[in-house]
């Protein structure tokens, strides 16, 4: 039975491992919702004794005019990613069914 559902079992284990890792790393701590760049820059500054200068990009980052537009762009990005994942897993499933039929 495990051989038949091997891909599904691996997927469930990977998702559970990701959830556990997320919950473990986000529980408490002083860098709860800051980015890794901020934490890394602060740590480098502490270790070297020299403050790390903030980086200004050559091309400025796009800032949407409202939170609704930002949410819409995020939802569009998430749906595109879900579509790609669905196509990949659907293709794999179709290939597996084609091999087992012939």
C-alpha atoms as a PDB file:
ATOM      1  CA  UNK A   1       0.000   0.000   0.000  1.00  0.00           C
ATOM      2  CA  UNK A   2       2.858   2.409   0.726  1.00  0.00           C
ATOM      3  CA  UNK A   3       4.318   1.848  -2.736  1.00  0.00           C
ATOM      4  CA  UNK A   4       1.056   2.874  -4.385  1.00  0.00           C
ATOM      5  CA  UNK A   5       0.826   6.194  -2.508  1.00  0.00           C
ATOM      6  CA  UNK A   6       4.536   7.008  -2.317  1.00  0.00           C
ATOM      7  CA  UNK A   7       4.301  10.499  -3.893  1.00  0.00           C
ATOM      8  CA  UNK A   8       1.336  11.452  -1.724  1.00  0.00           C
ATOM      9  CA  UNK A   9       3.111  10.238   1.416  1.00  0.00           C
ATOM     10  CA  UNK A  10       6.244  12.232   0.572  1.00  0.00           C
ATOM     11  CA  UNK A  11       4.118  15.337  -0.067  1.00  0.00           C
ATOM     12  CA  UNK A  12       2.280  15.037   3.242  1.00  0.00           C
ATOM     13  CA  UNK A  13       5.556  14.534   5.132  1.00  0.00           C
ATOM     14  CA  UNK A  14       7.131  17.565   3.402  1.00  0.00           C
ATOM     15  CA  UNK A  15       4.143  19.789   4.174  1.00  0.00           C
ATOM     16  CA  UNK A  16       4.066  18.686   7.811  1.00  0.00           C
ATOM     17  CA  UNK A  17       7.820  19.255   8.141  1.00  0.00           C
ATOM     18  CA  UNK A  18       7.416  22.757   6.694  1.00  0.00           C
ATOM     19  CA  UNK A  19       4.574  23.563   9.109  1.00  0.00           C
ATOM     20  CA  UNK A  20       6.570  22.314  12.099  1.00  0.00           C
ATOM     21  CA  UNK A  21       9.648  24.277  10.998  1.00  0.00           C
ATOM     22  CA  UNK A  22       7.570  27.434  10.512  1.00  0.00           C
ATOM     23  CA  UNK A  23       5.918  27.124  13.903  1.00  0.00           C
ATOM     24  CA  UNK A  24       9.254  26.390  15.602  1.00  0.00           C
ATOM     25  CA  UNK A  25      11.033  29.390  14.077  1.00  0.00           C
ATOM     26  CA  UNK A  26       8.170  31.855  14.538  1.00  0.00           C
ATOM     27  CA  UNK A  27       7.449  31.009  18.190  1.00  0.00           C
ATOM     28  CA  UNK A  28       8.848  33.922  20.185  1.00  0.00           C
ATOM     29  CA  UNK A  29      12.222  35.461  19.499  1.00  0.00           C
ATOM     30  CA  UNK A  30      13.080  39.103  18.964  1.00  0.00           C
ATOM     31  CA  UNK A  31      12.984  38.855  15.149  1.00  0.00           C
ATOM     32  CA  UNK A  32       9.443  37.557  14.944  1.00  0.00           C
ATOM     33  CA  UNK A  33       8.257  39.299  11.773  1.00  0.00           C
ATOM     34  CA  UNK A  34      11.361  41.008  10.421  1.00  0.00           C
ATOM     35  CA  UNK A  35      13.190  39.891   7.323  1.00  0.00           C
ATOM     36  CA  UNK A  36      16.392  37.912   7.350  1.00  0.00           C
ATOM     37  CA  UNK A  37      18.237  40.853   5.785  1.00  0.00           C
ATOM     38  CA  UNK A  38      17.479  43.011   8.809  1.00  0.00           C
ATOM     39  CA  UNK A  39      18.546  40.342  11.282  1.00  0.00           C
ATOM     40  CA  UNK A  40      21.697  39.532   9.293  1.00  0.00           C
ATOM     41  CA  UNK A  41      22.703  43.184   8.954  1.00  0.00           C
ATOM     42  CA  UNK A  42      22.238  43.766  12.657  1.00  0.00           C
ATOM     43  CA  UNK A  43      24.273  40.681  13.537  1.00  0.00           C
ATOM     44  CA  UNK A  44      27.121  41.720  11.205  1.00  0.00           C
ATOM     45  CA  UNK A  45      27.097  45.173  12.795  1.00  0.00           C
ATOM     46  CA  UNK A  46      27.276  43.628  16.275  1.00  0.00           C
ATOM     47  CA  UNK A  47      30.143  41.285  15.384  1.00  0.00           C
ATOM     48  CA  UNK A  48      32.290  43.805  13.472  1.00  0.00           C
ATOM     49  CA  UNK A  49      31.496  46.913  15.479  1.00  0.00           C
ATOM     50  CA  UNK A  50      30.775  48.850  12.261  1.00  0.00           C
ATOM     51  CA  UNK A  51      27.198  49.737  11.415  1.00  0.00           C
ATOM     52  CA  UNK A  52      26.090  48.333   8.089  1.00  0.00           C
ATOM     53  CA  UNK A  53      24.922  51.064   5.717  1.00  0.00           C
ATOM     54  CA  UNK A  54      21.436  50.669   4.349  1.00  0.00           C
ATOM     55  CA  UNK A  55      21.202  49.678   0.709  1.00  0.00           C
ATOM     56  CA  UNK A  56      19.316  51.824  -1.768  1.00  0.00           C
ATOM     57  CA  UNK A  57      18.411  50.036  -5.000  1.00  0.00           C
ATOM     58  CA  UNK A  58      19.131  51.559  -8.421  1.00  0.00           C
ATOM     59  CA  UNK A  59      15.588  50.801  -9.575  1.00  0.00           C
ATOM     60  CA  UNK A  60      13.090  51.780  -6.870  1.00  0.00           C
ATOM     61  CA  UNK A  61      10.651  49.150  -5.639  1.00  0.00           C
ATOM     62  CA  UNK A  62       7.056  49.441  -6.819  1.00  0.00           C
ATOM     63  CA  UNK A  63       4.746  50.477  -3.999  1.00  0.00           C
ATOM     64  CA  UNK A  64       1.066  50.004  -4.832  1.00  0.00           C
ATOM     65  CA  UNK A  65      -1.181  52.980  -4.132  1.00  0.00           C
ATOM     66  CA  UNK A  66      -3.429  51.002  -1.764  1.00  0.00           C
ATOM     67  CA  UNK A  67      -3.536  47.826   0.303  1.00  0.00           C
ATOM     68  CA  UNK A  68      -6.295  46.391  -1.877  1.00  0.00           C
ATOM     69  CA  UNK A  69      -4.098  46.508  -4.968  1.00  0.00           C
ATOM     70  CA  UNK A  70      -1.246  44.920  -3.040  1.00  0.00           C
ATOM     71  CA  UNK A  71      -3.553  42.107  -1.898  1.00  0.00           C
ATOM     72  CA  UNK A  72      -4.822  41.632  -5.447  1.00  0.00           C
ATOM     73  CA  UNK A  73      -1.294  41.374  -6.830  1.00  0.00           C
ATOM     74  CA  UNK A  74      -0.399  38.851  -4.131  1.00  0.00           C
ATOM     75  CA  UNK A  75      -3.515  36.770  -4.899  1.00  0.00           C
ATOM     76  CA  UNK A  76      -2.674  36.868  -8.613  1.00  0.00           C
ATOM     77  CA  UNK A  77       0.861  35.680  -7.882  1.00  0.00           C
ATOM     78  CA  UNK A  78      -0.428  32.888  -5.623  1.00  0.00           C
ATOM     79  CA  UNK A  79      -2.959  31.719  -8.214  1.00  0.00           C
ATOM     80  CA  UNK A  80      -0.283  31.636 -10.922  1.00  0.00           C
ATOM     81  CA  UNK A  81       1.939  29.530  -8.658  1.00  0.00           C
ATOM     82  CA  UNK A  82      -0.956  27.199  -7.873  1.00  0.00           C
ATOM     83  CA  UNK A  83      -1.680  26.832 -11.577  1.00  0.00           C
ATOM     84  CA  UNK A  84       1.933  25.881 -12.309  1.00  0.00           C
ATOM     85  CA  UNK A  85       1.997  23.371  -9.437  1.00  0.00           C
ATOM     86  CA  UNK A  86      -1.319  21.891 -10.577  1.00  0.00           C
ATOM     87  CA  UNK A  87      -0.041  21.505 -14.124  1.00  0.00           C
ATOM     88  CA  UNK A  88       3.175  19.809 -12.973  1.00  0.00           C
ATOM     89  CA  UNK A  89       1.432  17.381 -10.623  1.00  0.00           C
ATOM     90  CA  UNK A  90      -1.279  16.718 -13.212  1.00  0.00           C
ATOM     91  CA  UNK A  91       1.356  15.943 -15.825  1.00  0.00           C
ATOM     92  CA  UNK A  92       3.130  13.556 -13.443  1.00  0.00           C
ATOM     93  CA  UNK A  93      -0.134  11.832 -12.587  1.00  0.00           C
ATOM     94  CA  UNK A  94      -1.008  11.525 -16.271  1.00  0.00           C
ATOM     95  CA  UNK A  95       2.394  10.036 -17.043  1.00  0.00           C
ATOM     96  CA  UNK A  96       2.018   7.548 -14.220  1.00  0.00           C
ATOM     97  CA  UNK A  97      -1.440   6.495 -15.411  1.00  0.00           C
ATOM     98  CA  UNK A  98      -0.224   6.187 -19.000  1.00  0.00           C
ATOM     99  CA  UNK A  99       2.642   3.907 -17.969  1.00  0.00           C
ATOM    100  CA  UNK A 100       0.396   1.705 -15.836  1.00  0.00           C
ATOM    101  CA  UNK A 101      -2.209   1.284 -18.628  1.00  0.00           C
ATOM    102  CA  UNK A 102       0.231   0.166 -21.333  1.00  0.00           C
END
